[in-house]
Amino acid sequence: MPCHCAITNKNITISPDYSVEKALKTIKKEKVRALAIIDDDNKFQGFFSLKTLLKNLIPVSVVMSDGLQIDIKVEAAPGIAKRMASAMPLSVFEFMDRKPASVLPDEPIWEGVAKLTKYGEPLCVVDDKGRYLGMITYESLVNDLQNTEITDG
């Protein structure tokens, strides 16, 4: 079974100049975890998600290899709130994940499982020309695996 079979039905695409504020409203309205950013030629540029936004709002001084420390997080909170407010009119291009994990549509589903478990969701499905075909989420992958007929060799 190829990876393209596990693409989620909820694929929302936006342009790189979409504002963060508009993107957050879209995420909430559509109940999705990420938005695919594509250019005018349908070339995949990256994903915008709450995770990528928050990663960009954390001050560099509190990003540590072993995680955040509580006392630093509390002290940084007012600054993060201000950065969040100032990010709203900016484009999602400023906050997107430019190099998410991806698979080709005809790669075996086990490759999708491996990448999704290693890198997290979403997993981008692009063709050999870099055109966006869709995304795979944990939910869409599990649903596809559950709906697949099991055959014995």
C-alpha atoms as a PDB file:
ATOM      1  CA  MET A   1       0.000   0.000   0.000  1.00  0.00           C
ATOM      2  CA  PRO A   2       1.467   3.400  -0.972  1.00  0.00           C
ATOM      3  CA  CYS A   3       1.656   6.519   1.201  1.00  0.00           C
ATOM      4  CA  HIS A   4      -0.810   8.518  -0.877  1.00  0.00           C
ATOM      5  CA  CYS A   5      -3.585   6.257   0.430  1.00  0.00           C
ATOM      6  CA  ALA A   6      -3.128   7.701   3.920  1.00  0.00           C
ATOM      7  CA  ILE A   7      -3.477  11.387   2.985  1.00  0.00           C
ATOM      8  CA  THR A   8      -5.955  13.096   5.285  1.00  0.00           C
ATOM      9  CA  ASN A   9      -9.216  14.471   3.920  1.00  0.00           C
ATOM     10  CA  LYS A  10      -8.579  17.710   5.825  1.00  0.00           C
ATOM     11  CA  ASN A  11      -5.947  19.359   3.670  1.00  0.00           C
ATOM     12  CA  ILE A  12      -6.056  23.108   3.990  1.00  0.00           C
ATOM     13  CA  THR A  13      -3.580  25.087   1.923  1.00  0.00           C
ATOM     14  CA  ILE A  14      -2.657  28.742   2.255  1.00  0.00           C
ATOM     15  CA  SER A  15      -0.274  31.116   0.521  1.00  0.00           C
ATOM     16  CA  PRO A  16       3.008  32.271   2.097  1.00  0.00           C
ATOM     17  CA  ASP A  17       1.637  35.799   2.593  1.00  0.00           C
ATOM     18  CA  TYR A  18      -1.330  34.652   4.713  1.00  0.00           C
ATOM     19  CA  SER A  19      -1.268  36.446   8.080  1.00  0.00           C
ATOM     20  CA  VAL A  20      -0.638  34.552  11.311  1.00  0.00           C
ATOM     21  CA  GLU A  21      -3.921  35.878  12.686  1.00  0.00           C
ATOM     22  CA  LYS A  22      -5.866  34.573   9.687  1.00  0.00           C
ATOM     23  CA  ALA A  23      -4.025  31.227   9.848  1.00  0.00           C
ATOM     24  CA  LEU A  24      -4.876  30.773  13.538  1.00  0.00           C
ATOM     25  CA  LYS A  25      -8.542  31.438  12.784  1.00  0.00           C
ATOM     26  CA  THR A  26      -8.416  28.872   9.964  1.00  0.00           C
ATOM     27  CA  ILE A  27      -6.798  26.245  12.203  1.00  0.00           C
ATOM     28  CA  LYS A  28      -9.505  26.760  14.814  1.00  0.00           C
ATOM     29  CA  LYS A  29     -12.388  26.827  12.328  1.00  0.00           C
ATOM     30  CA  GLU A  30     -11.254  23.807  10.310  1.00  0.00           C
ATOM     31  CA  LYS A  31     -10.080  21.861  13.395  1.00  0.00           C
ATOM     32  CA  VAL A  32      -6.728  20.959  11.863  1.00  0.00           C
ATOM     33  CA  ARG A  33      -3.249  20.849  13.358  1.00  0.00           C
ATOM     34  CA  ALA A  34      -1.344  22.314  10.427  1.00  0.00           C
ATOM     35  CA  LEU A  35      -1.784  24.300   7.249  1.00  0.00           C
ATOM     36  CA  ALA A  36       0.248  23.554   4.145  1.00  0.00           C
ATOM     37  CA  ILE A  37       1.876  26.594   2.593  1.00  0.00           C
ATOM     38  CA  ILE A  38       2.100  26.438  -1.176  1.00  0.00           C
ATOM     39  CA  ASP A  39       3.179  28.991  -3.754  1.00  0.00           C
ATOM     40  CA  ASP A  40       1.389  29.961  -6.962  1.00  0.00           C
ATOM     41  CA  ASP A  41       2.866  26.947  -8.791  1.00  0.00           C
ATOM     42  CA  ASN A  42       1.513  24.531  -6.146  1.00  0.00           C
ATOM     43  CA  LYS A  43       5.074  23.998  -4.870  1.00  0.00           C
ATOM     44  CA  PHE A  44       5.206  23.060  -1.224  1.00  0.00           C
ATOM     45  CA  GLN A  45       6.906  25.707   0.923  1.00  0.00           C
ATOM     46  CA  GLY A  46       6.311  24.342   4.427  1.00  0.00           C
ATOM     47  CA  PHE A  47       3.790  23.871   7.221  1.00  0.00           C
ATOM     48  CA  PHE A  48       2.382  26.428   9.610  1.00  0.00           C
ATOM     49  CA  SER A  49       1.140  25.022  12.910  1.00  0.00           C
ATOM     50  CA  LEU A  50       0.694  26.051  16.514  1.00  0.00           C
ATOM     51  CA  LYS A  51       3.890  24.158  17.265  1.00  0.00           C
ATOM     52  CA  THR A  52       5.965  26.111  14.741  1.00  0.00           C
ATOM     53  CA  LEU A  53       4.473  29.403  15.899  1.00  0.00           C
ATOM     54  CA  LEU A  54       5.230  28.695  19.554  1.00  0.00           C
ATOM     55  CA  LYS A  55       8.755  27.489  18.776  1.00  0.00           C
ATOM     56  CA  ASN A  56       9.407  30.826  17.097  1.00  0.00           C
ATOM     57  CA  LEU A  57       8.034  32.802  20.052  1.00  0.00           C
ATOM     58  CA  ILE A  58      10.282  31.214  22.674  1.00  0.00           C
ATOM     59  CA  PRO A  59      13.282  33.419  23.408  1.00  0.00           C
ATOM     60  CA  VAL A  60      16.527  31.837  22.272  1.00  0.00           C
ATOM     61  CA  SER A  61      17.937  32.116  25.768  1.00  0.00           C
ATOM     62  CA  VAL A  62      15.343  29.691  27.184  1.00  0.00           C
ATOM     63  CA  VAL A  63      15.565  27.036  24.483  1.00  0.00           C
ATOM     64  CA  MET A  64      17.646  24.261  26.006  1.00  0.00           C
ATOM     65  CA  SER A  65      18.575  20.828  24.758  1.00  0.00           C
ATOM     66  CA  ASP A  66      16.960  19.187  27.776  1.00  0.00           C
ATOM     67  CA  GLY A  67      13.764  21.296  27.688  1.00  0.00           C
ATOM     68  CA  LEU A  68      12.502  24.414  29.376  1.00  0.00           C
ATOM     69  CA  GLN A  69      12.926  25.131  33.052  1.00  0.00           C
ATOM     70  CA  ILE A  70       9.802  26.261  34.914  1.00  0.00           C
ATOM     71  CA  ASP A  71      11.288  29.391  36.538  1.00  0.00           C
ATOM     72  CA  ILE A  72      12.523  30.683  33.172  1.00  0.00           C
ATOM     73  CA  LYS A  73       9.208  29.970  31.490  1.00  0.00           C
ATOM     74  CA  VAL A  74       7.262  31.994  34.060  1.00  0.00           C
ATOM     75  CA  GLU A  75       9.609  34.964  33.789  1.00  0.00           C
ATOM     76  CA  ALA A  76       9.477  34.882  29.980  1.00  0.00           C
ATOM     77  CA  ALA A  77       5.669  34.708  29.774  1.00  0.00           C
ATOM     78  CA  PRO A  78       4.962  38.484  29.433  1.00  0.00           C
ATOM     79  CA  GLY A  79       7.563  38.761  26.667  1.00  0.00           C
ATOM     80  CA  ILE A  80       6.117  35.782  24.847  1.00  0.00           C
ATOM     81  CA  ALA A  81       2.606  37.283  25.014  1.00  0.00           C
ATOM     82  CA  LYS A  82       3.932  40.521  23.482  1.00  0.00           C
ATOM     83  CA  ARG A  83       5.748  38.611  20.755  1.00  0.00           C
ATOM     84  CA  MET A  84       2.551  36.676  20.039  1.00  0.00           C
ATOM     85  CA  ALA A  85       0.556  39.892  19.661  1.00  0.00           C
ATOM     86  CA  SER A  86       3.185  41.401  17.378  1.00  0.00           C
ATOM     87  CA  ALA A  87       3.247  38.204  15.251  1.00  0.00           C
ATOM     88  CA  MET A  88      -0.452  38.384  14.335  1.00  0.00           C
ATOM     89  CA  PRO A  89      -0.126  40.690  11.294  1.00  0.00           C
ATOM     90  CA  LEU A  90       3.053  38.988  10.031  1.00  0.00           C
ATOM     91  CA  SER A  91       2.995  36.381   7.282  1.00  0.00           C
ATOM     92  CA  VAL A  92       3.044  32.677   8.047  1.00  0.00           C
ATOM     93  CA  PHE A  93       6.192  32.507   5.927  1.00  0.00           C
ATOM     94  CA  GLU A  94       8.046  33.948   8.945  1.00  0.00           C
ATOM     95  CA  PHE A  95       6.936  31.096  11.228  1.00  0.00           C
ATOM     96  CA  MET A  96       6.614  28.019   9.054  1.00  0.00           C
ATOM     97  CA  ASP A  97       8.523  24.757   9.229  1.00  0.00           C
ATOM     98  CA  ARG A  98      10.469  24.909   5.984  1.00  0.00           C
ATOM     99  CA  LYS A  99      11.861  21.369   6.074  1.00  0.00           C
ATOM    100  CA  PRO A 100       9.262  18.969   7.419  1.00  0.00           C
ATOM    101  CA  ALA A 101       9.579  15.252   6.841  1.00  0.00           C
ATOM    102  CA  SER A 102       8.095  14.165   3.551  1.00  0.00           C
ATOM    103  CA  VAL A 103       7.376  11.117   1.432  1.00  0.00           C
ATOM    104  CA  LEU A 104       6.685  10.511  -2.224  1.00  0.00           C
ATOM    105  CA  PRO A 105       3.132   9.355  -2.988  1.00  0.00           C
ATOM    106  CA  ASP A 106       4.143   5.860  -4.113  1.00  0.00           C
ATOM    107  CA  GLU A 107       6.536   5.099  -1.256  1.00  0.00           C
ATOM    108  CA  PRO A 108       5.442   2.102   0.834  1.00  0.00           C
ATOM    109  CA  ILE A 109       3.221   2.903   3.786  1.00  0.00           C
ATOM    110  CA  TRP A 110       5.809   1.453   6.195  1.00  0.00           C
ATOM    111  CA  GLU A 111       8.082   4.344   5.157  1.00  0.00           C
ATOM    112  CA  GLY A 112       5.312   6.760   6.116  1.00  0.00           C
ATOM    113  CA  VAL A 113       4.847   4.997   9.458  1.00  0.00           C
ATOM    114  CA  ALA A 114       8.583   5.188  10.150  1.00  0.00           C
ATOM    115  CA  LYS A 115       8.868   8.888   9.297  1.00  0.00           C
ATOM    116  CA  LEU A 116       5.689   9.860  11.129  1.00  0.00           C
ATOM    117  CA  THR A 117       6.788   8.113  14.310  1.00  0.00           C
ATOM    118  CA  LYS A 118      10.306   9.553  14.065  1.00  0.00           C
ATOM    119  CA  TYR A 119       9.491  13.165  13.118  1.00  0.00           C
ATOM    120  CA  GLY A 120       5.892  13.619  14.239  1.00  0.00           C
ATOM    121  CA  GLU A 121       2.979  14.978  12.318  1.00  0.00           C
ATOM    122  CA  PRO A 122       2.178  16.180   9.801  1.00  0.00           C
ATOM    123  CA  LEU A 123       4.063  14.249   7.161  1.00  0.00           C
ATOM    124  CA  CYS A 124       4.104  15.981   3.783  1.00  0.00           C
ATOM    125  CA  VAL A 125       3.308  14.080   0.581  1.00  0.00           C
ATOM    126  CA  VAL A 126       4.918  15.710  -2.461  1.00  0.00           C
ATOM    127  CA  ASP A 127       5.562  14.503  -5.965  1.00  0.00           C
ATOM    128  CA  ASP A 128       9.010  14.338  -7.561  1.00  0.00           C
ATOM    129  CA  LYS A 129       8.624  17.968  -8.727  1.00  0.00           C
ATOM    130  CA  GLY A 130       7.934  19.259  -5.206  1.00  0.00           C
ATOM    131  CA  ARG A 131       4.228  19.802  -5.777  1.00  0.00           C
ATOM    132  CA  TYR A 132       2.067  19.392  -2.710  1.00  0.00           C
ATOM    133  CA  LEU A 133      -0.332  16.430  -2.786  1.00  0.00           C
ATOM    134  CA  GLY A 134      -1.447  16.337   0.838  1.00  0.00           C
ATOM    135  CA  MET A 135      -0.429  15.490   4.370  1.00  0.00           C
ATOM    136  CA  ILE A 136      -0.505  12.399   6.509  1.00  0.00           C
ATOM    137  CA  THR A 137      -1.445  12.688  10.165  1.00  0.00           C
ATOM    138  CA  TYR A 138      -1.422  10.058  12.894  1.00  0.00           C
ATOM    139  CA  GLU A 139      -5.185   9.830  12.592  1.00  0.00           C
ATOM    140  CA  SER A 140      -5.280   9.487   8.791  1.00  0.00           C
ATOM    141  CA  LEU A 141      -2.546   6.852   8.874  1.00  0.00           C
ATOM    142  CA  VAL A 142      -4.234   4.759  11.561  1.00  0.00           C
ATOM    143  CA  ASN A 143      -7.603   5.075   9.768  1.00  0.00           C
ATOM    144  CA  ASP A 144      -6.037   3.917   6.519  1.00  0.00           C
ATOM    145  CA  LEU A 145      -4.347   0.960   8.206  1.00  0.00           C
ATOM    146  CA  GLN A 146      -7.601  -0.026   9.915  1.00  0.00           C
ATOM    147  CA  ASN A 147      -9.519   0.136   6.616  1.00  0.00           C
ATOM    148  CA  THR A 148      -6.987  -1.951   4.721  1.00  0.00           C
ATOM    149  CA  GLU A 149      -7.917  -5.537   4.063  1.00  0.00           C
ATOM    150  CA  ILE A 150      -5.498  -7.936   5.659  1.00  0.00           C
ATOM    151  CA  THR A 151      -4.318 -10.587   3.268  1.00  0.00           C
ATOM    152  CA  ASP A 152      -2.140 -13.546   4.015  1.00  0.00           C
ATOM    153  CA  GLY A 153       0.632 -14.212   1.466  1.00  0.00           C
END
